[in-house]
Amino acid sequence: MVDTAKPTLDSVFMGHRGALVRLLSRMVGSAATAEDLAQEAYLKVRAAERDRPVEHLAPFLFQTARNLAFDHLRRERRQAVVVVPDVTAEGMEEVAAALPSPETEAGDRQRLARMESALATLGERQRRILLLNRMEGLSHAQIAERLDVSVSTVQKDLKTALLACLEVFARLDREGLRVPPRPDVL
């Protein structure tokens, strides 16, 4: 006789917990962080189950955990750019800030004006999705959850927003408002 009862999330999590933590540990390089991410994945899948039935729990749990690990690594990478661990606050005050050249400032102002022009052509939700994704680094799933829309809606609106921005940039280029690339970004 074949057991056709659908496994519960608790049984799937407990059965795959070791493999899940090992995978996450390899991804993030820390067993403690892997444990935290595994627990967070469990909670996210539990919340998703309340909204709709999840047909294949194990793959969904592992994909959720991988997404959380990628988000964690992106946050760490962004923070590593900003935080210098061996320098005290007093030491940071003594570091001279590099001032941009007048040409760089002018180019930055032009780029900002172009971006504001592009953003002005977007609808509110498209603009918000673009900023959440590109400025705050949120994943499509995180944006969907925050705005209470589907991931598909986030993907479509982000694509539309990016295409609209490219069109504005192309139009401004045709009109002669070309901005030279920043030397420090090349």
Protein backbone atom coordinates (compact mmCIF):
# COMPACT_ATOMS: atom_id res chain seq x y z
CA MET A 1 0.00 0.00 0.00
CA VAL A 2 1.39 3.39 -0.99
CA ASP A 3 1.19 6.26 1.50
CA THR A 4 -0.50 9.11 -0.35
CA ALA A 5 -0.68 11.46 2.63
CA LYS A 6 1.01 14.75 1.90
CA PRO A 7 4.00 15.38 4.18
CA THR A 8 3.77 18.33 6.53
CA LEU A 9 6.24 21.17 6.47
CA ASP A 10 7.46 20.14 9.92
CA SER A 11 8.30 16.63 8.73
CA VAL A 12 9.93 17.90 5.51
CA PHE A 13 11.97 20.47 7.43
CA MET A 14 13.15 17.97 10.04
CA GLY A 15 13.94 15.37 7.38
CA HIS A 16 15.98 17.80 5.25
CA ARG A 17 17.31 20.11 7.96
CA GLY A 18 20.85 18.69 7.92
CA ALA A 19 21.20 18.93 4.14
CA LEU A 20 19.63 22.38 4.15
CA VAL A 21 22.00 23.73 6.79
CA ARG A 22 25.02 22.18 5.01
CA LEU A 23 23.99 23.81 1.72
CA LEU A 24 23.46 27.19 3.37
CA SER A 25 26.72 26.88 5.31
CA ARG A 26 28.64 26.32 2.07
CA MET A 27 26.89 29.31 0.51
CA VAL A 28 27.38 31.84 3.32
CA GLY A 29 30.49 30.43 5.00
CA SER A 30 29.04 30.34 8.52
CA ALA A 31 27.25 27.52 10.31
CA ALA A 32 25.50 29.94 12.69
CA THR A 33 24.21 32.10 9.83
CA ALA A 34 23.15 28.94 7.98
CA GLU A 35 21.09 27.86 10.99
CA ASP A 36 19.42 31.28 11.12
CA LEU A 37 18.69 31.23 7.38
CA ALA A 38 17.24 27.70 7.62
CA GLN A 39 14.87 28.85 10.37
CA GLU A 40 13.93 31.94 8.36
CA ALA A 41 13.25 29.75 5.31
CA TYR A 42 10.99 27.53 7.43
CA LEU A 43 9.04 30.57 8.63
CA LYS A 44 8.69 31.98 5.10
CA VAL A 45 7.44 28.67 3.73
CA ARG A 46 5.03 28.37 6.67
CA ALA A 47 3.68 31.85 5.84
CA ALA A 48 3.41 30.97 2.13
CA GLU A 49 1.43 27.85 3.00
CA ARG A 50 -1.18 29.98 4.74
CA ASP A 51 -1.79 31.88 1.49
CA ARG A 52 -1.89 28.93 -0.87
CA PRO A 53 -1.11 25.20 -0.84
CA VAL A 54 2.50 24.32 -1.65
CA GLU A 55 2.59 21.18 -3.77
CA HIS A 56 6.29 20.27 -3.48
CA LEU A 57 7.46 21.35 -0.05
CA ALA A 58 11.09 20.19 -0.13
CA PRO A 59 12.09 21.97 -3.37
CA PHE A 60 10.16 25.07 -2.29
CA LEU A 61 11.94 25.06 1.09
CA PHE A 62 15.38 24.69 -0.54
CA GLN A 63 14.68 27.43 -3.11
CA THR A 64 13.43 29.76 -0.40
CA ALA A 65 16.57 29.06 1.64
CA ARG A 66 18.84 29.70 -1.38
CA ASN A 67 17.07 32.99 -2.07
CA LEU A 68 17.54 34.04 1.54
CA ALA A 69 21.24 33.11 1.34
CA PHE A 70 21.67 35.19 -1.81
CA ASP A 71 19.91 38.13 -0.14
CA HIS A 72 22.20 37.73 2.89
CA LEU A 73 25.31 37.70 0.68
CA ARG A 74 24.13 40.81 -1.21
CA ARG A 75 23.58 42.64 2.09
CA GLU A 76 27.03 41.63 3.30
CA ARG A 77 28.61 42.77 0.04
CA ARG A 78 26.87 46.15 0.25
CA GLN A 79 27.83 46.53 3.89
CA ALA A 80 31.46 45.59 3.19
CA VAL A 81 31.68 48.52 0.81
CA VAL A 82 30.48 50.91 3.50
CA VAL A 83 31.86 49.50 6.74
CA VAL A 84 35.58 49.47 7.52
CA PRO A 85 35.87 47.14 10.54
CA ASP A 86 39.27 48.26 11.95
CA VAL A 87 38.62 51.99 11.91
CA THR A 88 36.99 53.73 14.88
CA ALA A 89 34.46 56.52 14.50
CA GLU A 90 37.10 59.01 15.63
CA GLY A 91 39.51 57.63 13.02
CA MET A 92 36.91 58.06 10.29
CA GLU A 93 36.55 61.75 11.18
CA GLU A 94 40.24 62.23 10.48
CA VAL A 95 40.07 60.74 6.99
CA ALA A 96 39.90 63.41 4.32
CA ALA A 97 36.92 63.08 2.01
CA ALA A 98 37.81 62.97 -1.66
CA LEU A 99 36.14 65.87 -3.43
CA PRO A 100 34.92 65.29 -6.95
CA SER A 101 36.21 67.48 -9.74
CA PRO A 102 33.89 70.17 -11.16
CA GLU A 103 33.49 68.05 -14.30
CA THR A 104 32.43 65.03 -12.25
CA GLU A 105 29.94 67.14 -10.29
CA ALA A 106 28.45 68.52 -13.51
CA GLY A 107 28.21 65.04 -15.03
CA ASP A 108 26.60 63.70 -11.86
CA ARG A 109 24.01 66.51 -11.92
CA GLN A 110 23.22 65.71 -15.57
CA ARG A 111 22.88 61.98 -14.79
CA LEU A 112 20.59 62.77 -11.88
CA ALA A 113 18.44 65.03 -14.08
CA ARG A 114 18.20 62.26 -16.69
CA MET A 115 17.21 59.73 -14.06
CA GLU A 116 14.58 62.08 -12.61
CA SER A 117 13.19 62.59 -16.12
CA ALA A 118 12.99 58.85 -16.64
CA LEU A 119 11.37 58.24 -13.24
CA ALA A 120 8.78 60.95 -13.93
CA THR A 121 7.47 58.93 -16.89
CA LEU A 122 6.68 55.90 -14.70
CA GLY A 123 3.57 55.04 -12.77
CA GLU A 124 3.83 55.09 -8.97
CA ARG A 125 4.04 51.31 -8.56
CA GLN A 126 6.60 50.93 -11.36
CA ARG A 127 8.75 53.70 -9.86
CA ARG A 128 8.53 52.14 -6.41
CA ILE A 129 9.42 48.66 -7.71
CA LEU A 130 12.40 50.04 -9.65
CA LEU A 131 13.72 51.92 -6.62
CA LEU A 132 13.18 49.00 -4.22
CA ASN A 133 15.04 46.67 -6.57
CA ARG A 134 17.87 48.92 -7.76
CA MET A 135 18.40 51.19 -4.76
CA GLU A 136 17.52 48.93 -1.82
CA GLY A 137 18.56 45.67 -3.45
CA LEU A 138 15.32 43.83 -2.67
CA SER A 139 14.53 40.65 -4.56
CA HIS A 140 11.40 40.29 -6.66
CA ALA A 141 9.83 38.13 -3.94
CA GLN A 142 10.61 40.67 -1.22
CA ILE A 143 9.12 43.49 -3.30
CA ALA A 144 6.02 41.41 -4.07
CA GLU A 145 5.54 40.75 -0.38
CA ARG A 146 6.08 44.38 0.59
CA LEU A 147 3.69 45.76 -2.05
CA ASP A 148 1.20 42.88 -1.78
CA VAL A 149 1.40 42.00 -5.49
CA SER A 150 2.51 38.87 -7.31
CA VAL A 151 6.14 38.20 -8.24
CA SER A 152 4.99 38.17 -11.88
CA THR A 153 3.62 41.71 -11.46
CA VAL A 154 6.94 42.83 -9.99
CA GLN A 155 8.84 41.29 -12.90
CA LYS A 156 6.55 42.86 -15.51
CA ASP A 157 6.57 46.31 -13.87
CA LEU A 158 10.35 46.24 -13.42
CA LYS A 159 10.84 45.32 -17.07
CA THR A 160 8.45 48.08 -18.14
CA ALA A 161 10.19 50.60 -15.88
CA LEU A 162 13.66 49.71 -17.15
CA LEU A 163 12.53 49.92 -20.78
CA ALA A 164 10.91 53.31 -20.12
CA CYS A 165 14.13 54.59 -18.55
CA LEU A 166 16.16 53.35 -21.51
CA GLU A 167 13.76 55.10 -23.90
CA VAL A 168 14.10 58.39 -21.98
CA PHE A 169 17.89 58.07 -21.96
CA ALA A 170 17.91 57.34 -25.71
CA ARG A 171 15.66 60.35 -26.40
CA LEU A 172 17.86 62.62 -24.30
CA ASP A 173 20.94 61.30 -26.14
CA ARG A 174 19.29 62.11 -29.49
CA GLU A 175 18.53 65.61 -28.22
CA GLY A 176 22.20 66.14 -27.45
CA LEU A 177 22.09 65.80 -23.67
CA ARG A 178 24.81 63.18 -23.70
CA VAL A 179 26.63 62.69 -20.40
CA PRO A 180 30.21 61.44 -20.51
CA PRO A 181 30.87 58.26 -18.55
CA ARG A 182 32.36 58.71 -15.09
CA PRO A 183 36.05 57.77 -15.08
CA ASP A 184 35.76 56.09 -11.67
CA VAL A 185 32.96 53.79 -12.90
CA LEU A 186 34.72 52.37 -15.96
